[in-house]
Amino acid sequence: YKGTLVGVDTSDKVNVLDFFRIEFWVGLEYDIVTQKHYWSYDGSPLDDTWKAQIFGNT
């Protein structure tokens, strides 16, 4: 699937396994080498707020 995240609560902090579930079902691309997260829809990197919430580094 490609597109925006749907049905994902951004206030929840997800772990690595959740990343791969999100990638599989929604198409969020996770680059392990650079540790950056991209929308597969348009290739734009997620903003810092998303990164902080995803990593739990708030």
PDB file of N, CA and C in Angstrom:
ATOM      1  N   TYR A   1       0.835  -1.197   0.000  1.00  0.00           N
ATOM      2  CA  TYR A   1       0.000   0.000   0.000  1.00  0.00           C
ATOM      3  C   TYR A   1       0.874   1.254   0.000  1.00  0.00           C
ATOM      4  N   LYS A   2       0.364   2.300  -0.654  1.00  0.00           N
ATOM      5  CA  LYS A   2       1.053   3.584  -0.608  1.00  0.00           C
ATOM      6  C   LYS A   2       0.043   4.652  -0.220  1.00  0.00           C
ATOM      7  N   GLY A   3       0.508   5.613   0.575  1.00  0.00           N
ATOM      8  CA  GLY A   3      -0.384   6.683   0.987  1.00  0.00           C
ATOM      9  C   GLY A   3      -0.029   7.163   2.373  1.00  0.00           C
ATOM     10  N   THR A   4      -0.889   7.974   2.937  1.00  0.00           N
ATOM     11  CA  THR A   4      -0.621   8.517   4.255  1.00  0.00           C
ATOM     12  C   THR A   4      -0.974   7.489   5.325  1.00  0.00           C
ATOM     13  N   LEU A   5      -0.431   7.697   6.507  1.00  0.00           N
ATOM     14  CA  LEU A   5      -0.764   6.812   7.617  1.00  0.00           C
ATOM     15  C   LEU A   5      -2.238   6.970   7.962  1.00  0.00           C
ATOM     16  N   VAL A   6      -2.918   5.867   8.090  1.00  0.00           N
ATOM     17  CA  VAL A   6      -4.342   5.897   8.389  1.00  0.00           C
ATOM     18  C   VAL A   6      -4.606   5.015   9.603  1.00  0.00           C
ATOM     19  N   GLY A   7      -5.341   5.529  10.560  1.00  0.00           N
ATOM     20  CA  GLY A   7      -5.700   4.738  11.724  1.00  0.00           C
ATOM     21  C   GLY A   7      -4.545   4.517  12.674  1.00  0.00           C
ATOM     22  N   VAL A   8      -3.529   5.378  12.598  1.00  0.00           N
ATOM     23  CA  VAL A   8      -2.397   5.262  13.509  1.00  0.00           C
ATOM     24  C   VAL A   8      -2.422   6.453  14.453  1.00  0.00           C
ATOM     25  N   ASP A   9      -2.491   6.184  15.746  1.00  0.00           N
ATOM     26  CA  ASP A   9      -2.516   7.257  16.736  1.00  0.00           C
ATOM     27  C   ASP A   9      -1.096   7.749  16.948  1.00  0.00           C
ATOM     28  N   THR A  10      -0.821   8.994  16.553  1.00  0.00           N
ATOM     29  CA  THR A  10       0.544   9.510  16.633  1.00  0.00           C
ATOM     30  C   THR A  10       0.981   9.755  18.068  1.00  0.00           C
ATOM     31  N   SER A  11       0.039   9.735  19.008  1.00  0.00           N
ATOM     32  CA  SER A  11       0.421   9.938  20.403  1.00  0.00           C
ATOM     33  C   SER A  11       1.004   8.660  21.004  1.00  0.00           C
ATOM     34  N   ASP A  12       0.783   7.534  20.317  1.00  0.00           N
ATOM     35  CA  ASP A  12       1.346   6.274  20.801  1.00  0.00           C
ATOM     36  C   ASP A  12       2.795   6.160  20.379  1.00  0.00           C
ATOM     37  N   LYS A  13       3.627   5.657  21.298  1.00  0.00           N
ATOM     38  CA  LYS A  13       5.025   5.419  20.956  1.00  0.00           C
ATOM     39  C   LYS A  13       5.144   3.974  20.500  1.00  0.00           C
ATOM     40  N   VAL A  14       5.616   3.803  19.274  1.00  0.00           N
ATOM     41  CA  VAL A  14       5.669   2.459  18.705  1.00  0.00           C
ATOM     42  C   VAL A  14       7.091   1.930  18.752  1.00  0.00           C
ATOM     43  N   ASN A  15       7.220   0.611  18.786  1.00  0.00           N
ATOM     44  CA  ASN A  15       8.546   0.005  18.811  1.00  0.00           C
ATOM     45  C   ASN A  15       8.945  -0.434  17.411  1.00  0.00           C
ATOM     46  N   VAL A  16      10.114  -1.054  17.300  1.00  0.00           N
ATOM     47  CA  VAL A  16      10.640  -1.427  15.984  1.00  0.00           C
ATOM     48  C   VAL A  16       9.706  -2.392  15.272  1.00  0.00           C
ATOM     49  N   LEU A  17       9.121  -3.327  16.018  1.00  0.00           N
ATOM     50  CA  LEU A  17       8.208  -4.276  15.388  1.00  0.00           C
ATOM     51  C   LEU A  17       7.002  -3.552  14.804  1.00  0.00           C
ATOM     52  N   ASP A  18       6.542  -2.508  15.495  1.00  0.00           N
ATOM     53  CA  ASP A  18       5.429  -1.720  14.972  1.00  0.00           C
ATOM     54  C   ASP A  18       5.807  -1.043  13.659  1.00  0.00           C
ATOM     55  N   PHE A  19       7.084  -0.617  13.552  1.00  0.00           N
ATOM     56  CA  PHE A  19       7.540  -0.017  12.308  1.00  0.00           C
ATOM     57  C   PHE A  19       7.314  -0.947  11.138  1.00  0.00           C
ATOM     58  N   PHE A  20       7.725  -2.201  11.320  1.00  0.00           N
ATOM     59  CA  PHE A  20       7.633  -3.125  10.205  1.00  0.00           C
ATOM     60  C   PHE A  20       6.182  -3.471   9.903  1.00  0.00           C
ATOM     61  N   ARG A  21       5.327  -3.491  10.943  1.00  0.00           N
ATOM     62  CA  ARG A  21       3.899  -3.673  10.688  1.00  0.00           C
ATOM     63  C   ARG A  21       3.358  -2.489   9.891  1.00  0.00           C
ATOM     64  N   ILE A  22       3.745  -1.273  10.291  1.00  0.00           N
ATOM     65  CA  ILE A  22       3.291  -0.085   9.577  1.00  0.00           C
ATOM     66  C   ILE A  22       3.808  -0.120   8.141  1.00  0.00           C
ATOM     67  N   GLU A  23       5.078  -0.508   7.972  1.00  0.00           N
ATOM     68  CA  GLU A  23       5.657  -0.543   6.635  1.00  0.00           C
ATOM     69  C   GLU A  23       4.915  -1.547   5.764  1.00  0.00           C
ATOM     70  N   PHE A  24       4.594  -2.691   6.343  1.00  0.00           N
ATOM     71  CA  PHE A  24       3.948  -3.754   5.577  1.00  0.00           C
ATOM     72  C   PHE A  24       2.549  -3.341   5.152  1.00  0.00           C
ATOM     73  N   TRP A  25       1.792  -2.768   6.085  1.00  0.00           N
ATOM     74  CA  TRP A  25       0.382  -2.496   5.811  1.00  0.00           C
ATOM     75  C   TRP A  25       0.155  -1.140   5.164  1.00  0.00           C
ATOM     76  N   VAL A  26       0.947  -0.143   5.519  1.00  0.00           N
ATOM     77  CA  VAL A  26       0.662   1.216   5.069  1.00  0.00           C
ATOM     78  C   VAL A  26       1.653   1.696   4.017  1.00  0.00           C
ATOM     79  N   GLY A  27       2.888   1.184   4.071  1.00  0.00           N
ATOM     80  CA  GLY A  27       3.874   1.602   3.093  1.00  0.00           C
ATOM     81  C   GLY A  27       4.829   2.657   3.613  1.00  0.00           C
ATOM     82  N   LEU A  28       4.930   2.785   4.943  1.00  0.00           N
ATOM     83  CA  LEU A  28       5.915   3.694   5.512  1.00  0.00           C
ATOM     84  C   LEU A  28       7.294   3.073   5.339  1.00  0.00           C
ATOM     85  N   GLU A  29       8.219   3.828   4.773  1.00  0.00           N
ATOM     86  CA  GLU A  29       9.546   3.295   4.519  1.00  0.00           C
ATOM     87  C   GLU A  29      10.477   3.673   5.665  1.00  0.00           C
ATOM     88  N   TYR A  30      11.229   2.687   6.157  1.00  0.00           N
ATOM     89  CA  TYR A  30      12.152   2.909   7.268  1.00  0.00           C
ATOM     90  C   TYR A  30      13.557   2.591   6.795  1.00  0.00           C
ATOM     91  N   ASP A  31      14.448   3.578   6.824  1.00  0.00           N
ATOM     92  CA  ASP A  31      15.827   3.402   6.402  1.00  0.00           C
ATOM     93  C   ASP A  31      16.678   3.158   7.637  1.00  0.00           C
ATOM     94  N   ILE A  32      17.100   1.898   7.838  1.00  0.00           N
ATOM     95  CA  ILE A  32      17.843   1.527   9.038  1.00  0.00           C
ATOM     96  C   ILE A  32      19.193   2.239   9.079  1.00  0.00           C
ATOM     97  N   VAL A  33      19.818   2.419   7.914  1.00  0.00           N
ATOM     98  CA  VAL A  33      21.155   3.002   7.880  1.00  0.00           C
ATOM     99  C   VAL A  33      21.137   4.447   8.356  1.00  0.00           C
ATOM    100  N   THR A  34      20.199   5.237   7.844  1.00  0.00           N
ATOM    101  CA  THR A  34      20.146   6.650   8.198  1.00  0.00           C
ATOM    102  C   THR A  34      19.194   6.906   9.359  1.00  0.00           C
ATOM    103  N   GLN A  35      18.415   5.883   9.729  1.00  0.00           N
ATOM    104  CA  GLN A  35      17.411   6.004  10.785  1.00  0.00           C
ATOM    105  C   GLN A  35      16.458   7.164  10.506  1.00  0.00           C
ATOM    106  N   LYS A  36      16.091   7.315   9.238  1.00  0.00           N
ATOM    107  CA  LYS A  36      15.098   8.318   8.863  1.00  0.00           C
ATOM    108  C   LYS A  36      13.864   7.597   8.352  1.00  0.00           C
ATOM    109  N   HIS A  37      12.736   8.253   8.504  1.00  0.00           N
ATOM    110  CA  HIS A  37      11.468   7.639   8.132  1.00  0.00           C
ATOM    111  C   HIS A  37      10.835   8.468   7.023  1.00  0.00           C
ATOM    112  N   TYR A  38      10.322   7.788   6.024  1.00  0.00           N
ATOM    113  CA  TYR A  38       9.797   8.490   4.861  1.00  0.00           C
ATOM    114  C   TYR A  38       8.387   8.041   4.558  1.00  0.00           C
ATOM    115  N   TRP A  39       7.581   8.990   4.088  1.00  0.00           N
ATOM    116  CA  TRP A  39       6.314   8.616   3.476  1.00  0.00           C
ATOM    117  C   TRP A  39       6.643   7.972   2.144  1.00  0.00           C
ATOM    118  N   SER A  40       6.182   6.759   1.920  1.00  0.00           N
ATOM    119  CA  SER A  40       6.402   6.153   0.615  1.00  0.00           C
ATOM    120  C   SER A  40       5.547   6.850  -0.445  1.00  0.00           C
ATOM    121  N   TYR A  41       4.510   7.562   0.020  1.00  0.00           N
ATOM    122  CA  TYR A  41       3.601   8.230  -0.918  1.00  0.00           C
ATOM    123  C   TYR A  41       4.338   9.279  -1.749  1.00  0.00           C
ATOM    124  N   ASP A  42       5.139  10.111  -1.076  1.00  0.00           N
ATOM    125  CA  ASP A  42       5.827  11.177  -1.816  1.00  0.00           C
ATOM    126  C   ASP A  42       7.315  11.251  -1.490  1.00  0.00           C
ATOM    127  N   GLY A  43       7.808  10.389  -0.609  1.00  0.00           N
ATOM    128  CA  GLY A  43       9.227  10.365  -0.280  1.00  0.00           C
ATOM    129  C   GLY A  43       9.659  11.455   0.681  1.00  0.00           C
ATOM    130  N   SER A  44       8.693  12.198   1.239  1.00  0.00           N
ATOM    131  CA  SER A  44       9.058  13.268   2.158  1.00  0.00           C
ATOM    132  C   SER A  44       9.381  12.700   3.538  1.00  0.00           C
ATOM    133  N   PRO A  45      10.458  13.182   4.169  1.00  0.00           N
ATOM    134  CA  PRO A  45      10.766  12.710   5.517  1.00  0.00           C
ATOM    135  C   PRO A  45       9.724  13.198   6.520  1.00  0.00           C
ATOM    136  N   LEU A  46       9.480  12.386   7.534  1.00  0.00           N
ATOM    137  CA  LEU A  46       8.571  12.797   8.598  1.00  0.00           C
ATOM    138  C   LEU A  46       9.207  13.929   9.388  1.00  0.00           C
ATOM    139  N   ASP A  47       8.389  14.798   9.957  1.00  0.00           N
ATOM    140  CA  ASP A  47       8.934  15.930  10.688  1.00  0.00           C
ATOM    141  C   ASP A  47       9.450  15.489  12.060  1.00  0.00           C
ATOM    142  N   ASP A  48      10.122  16.415  12.763  1.00  0.00           N
ATOM    143  CA  ASP A  48      10.774  16.078  14.022  1.00  0.00           C
ATOM    144  C   ASP A  48       9.778  15.621  15.074  1.00  0.00           C
ATOM    145  N   THR A  49       8.565  16.176  15.050  1.00  0.00           N
ATOM    146  CA  THR A  49       7.554  15.769  16.020  1.00  0.00           C
ATOM    147  C   THR A  49       7.226  14.297  15.854  1.00  0.00           C
ATOM    148  N   TRP A  50       7.030  13.888  14.593  1.00  0.00           N
ATOM    149  CA  TRP A  50       6.776  12.473  14.318  1.00  0.00           C
ATOM    150  C   TRP A  50       7.924  11.614  14.805  1.00  0.00           C
ATOM    151  N   LYS A  51       9.169  12.044  14.495  1.00  0.00           N
ATOM    152  CA  LYS A  51      10.335  11.248  14.877  1.00  0.00           C
ATOM    153  C   LYS A  51      10.412  11.111  16.391  1.00  0.00           C
ATOM    154  N   ALA A  52      10.166  12.225  17.094  1.00  0.00           N
ATOM    155  CA  ALA A  52      10.234  12.189  18.550  1.00  0.00           C
ATOM    156  C   ALA A  52       9.182  11.244  19.114  1.00  0.00           C
ATOM    157  N   GLN A  53       7.975  11.299  18.552  1.00  0.00           N
ATOM    158  CA  GLN A  53       6.906  10.443  19.050  1.00  0.00           C
ATOM    159  C   GLN A  53       7.184   8.982  18.711  1.00  0.00           C
ATOM    160  N   ILE A  54       7.714   8.744  17.509  1.00  0.00           N
ATOM    161  CA  ILE A  54       7.977   7.371  17.094  1.00  0.00           C
ATOM    162  C   ILE A  54       9.091   6.764  17.938  1.00  0.00           C
ATOM    163  N   PHE A  55      10.158   7.530  18.151  1.00  0.00           N
ATOM    164  CA  PHE A  55      11.296   6.999  18.896  1.00  0.00           C
ATOM    165  C   PHE A  55      11.072   7.050  20.402  1.00  0.00           C
ATOM    166  N   GLY A  56      10.114   7.852  20.854  1.00  0.00           N
ATOM    167  CA  GLY A  56       9.880   7.992  22.283  1.00  0.00           C
ATOM    168  C   GLY A  56      10.857   8.953  22.930  1.00  0.00           C
ATOM    169  N   ASN A  57      11.522   9.773  22.129  1.00  0.00           N
ATOM    170  CA  ASN A  57      12.486  10.732  22.662  1.00  0.00           C
ATOM    171  C   ASN A  57      11.825  12.095  22.801  1.00  0.00           C
ATOM    172  N   THR A  58      10.792  12.168  23.622  1.00  0.00           N
ATOM    173  CA  THR A  58      10.075  13.432  23.765  1.00  0.00           C
ATOM    174  C   THR A  58      10.698  14.259  24.870  1.00  0.00           C
TER     175      THR A  58
END
